[in-house]
Amino acid sequence: MSKHATPSGGNVINAVDLHKVYQLKGREVVALRGVSLHVPQGEIYGVVGPSGAGKSTLLRCINLLERPDRGEIWVDGRNLTALPPPQLRAARRGIGMIHQHFALLSSRTVAGNVAFPLEIAGVPRAERRRRVAELLELVGLADKAAAYPAQLSGGQKQRVGIARALAPRPTVLLSDEATSALDPATTASILDLLRDLNRELGLTILLITHEMDVVKRICDAVAIMDRGSVVETGRTVDLLRTPGSLLARSLFAPPPVSGDGVVTLTWVDQAEEPLISQLTRLFDVDVSILGGALEEVAGHAVGRLTVRITGERSAEALTYLTDRNVLVEEVP
């Protein structure tokens, strides 16, 4: 791709054919193998995969803390990989970053930590104070301005980290395993805060995680990485309706039984439809429910049932479900 041509699609983040190799003890370790990623404006996009998959390397390449060996990074229509250092530093102010272990300055108060990037940018003191007060109110820490990091819980520390990342008014927020050091209840509250910020500020969020519950709770779209490559990508609800989806296999427990006539049924936002009773009435089949659940995934009600369908018209019954956007998969 020419460095003078903006990638199409209207995405805020475009990572194009990224390659990254590290030299480790005399051998090459390939961290990224031709990774491309396209994040639309205003979405929460998750990158998930096991340790060593290349997720954190990808995130560091997005804001050029690591420079890829090959490929391009476009953010807000600018090719960061082509910018000279002064312009790159300016462009990075539009990219916020929150970290797994908070990275707060222990000698500074909460207000001082949030103000730090504004001081570096030369923002006048009165304006800094107004911005810090506004941000602490936004993340629910208005009463902790004078506290020090050692006096805060893990969740409060991460809220300070989020407020600090938002101080320069970025359009993009990068999150590197921001909840992995937190307990489940605190994780849920931080994820809800990120979703609120996404909606209220129109903030585009790219988050790295190894936790499928994070994807399930807030991610509009997802890329699954393994050994330096993207092996599956798409909108979360679309992948749940895709046969053989790695995401669906990771989010849901395996079927409890198998055998002749056993299938899994997956549907999105159709909880009010009496699908099973319709099958028995229209096709005179017997339906045995062997397991299932109704869960919320990325704001959508997703149902998943394992059933055994028997009767002369069972094939017609399955076609009927497929025609109504229900994913039908045989259990081997």
Foldseek 3Di string as FASTA:
>chain_A
DDQVDFDDDQFQKWWFQFWAWDQDPNDIATLAGGAIDGHHFLFEEEEAEDPSLNQVVVLCCQLPVPPTPDTFIHGRRHTLNPDDPVVSVVLCLQEFEAEQQLPFDQVAFLLRRLLVVVVVVVPDPVVSVVLSCVLCVLLVNNVRRRPGPVVDDLLVSRSSSVSSRCSSPHQEYEYEQNPVVDDPVSSVSVLVSVQVCSVPSSHYYYYYHHDLVSQFPAGQWYFYGGSNYTPDIDGPVVLCLDPPRPSVPVVDDPQPDADPQKKKKKDKQCVVDPLVVCLCVVPVKDKAWRDWDWDGGNNITMIMTIIGIDDPCVVVSVVVSVVVSIRIGHDD
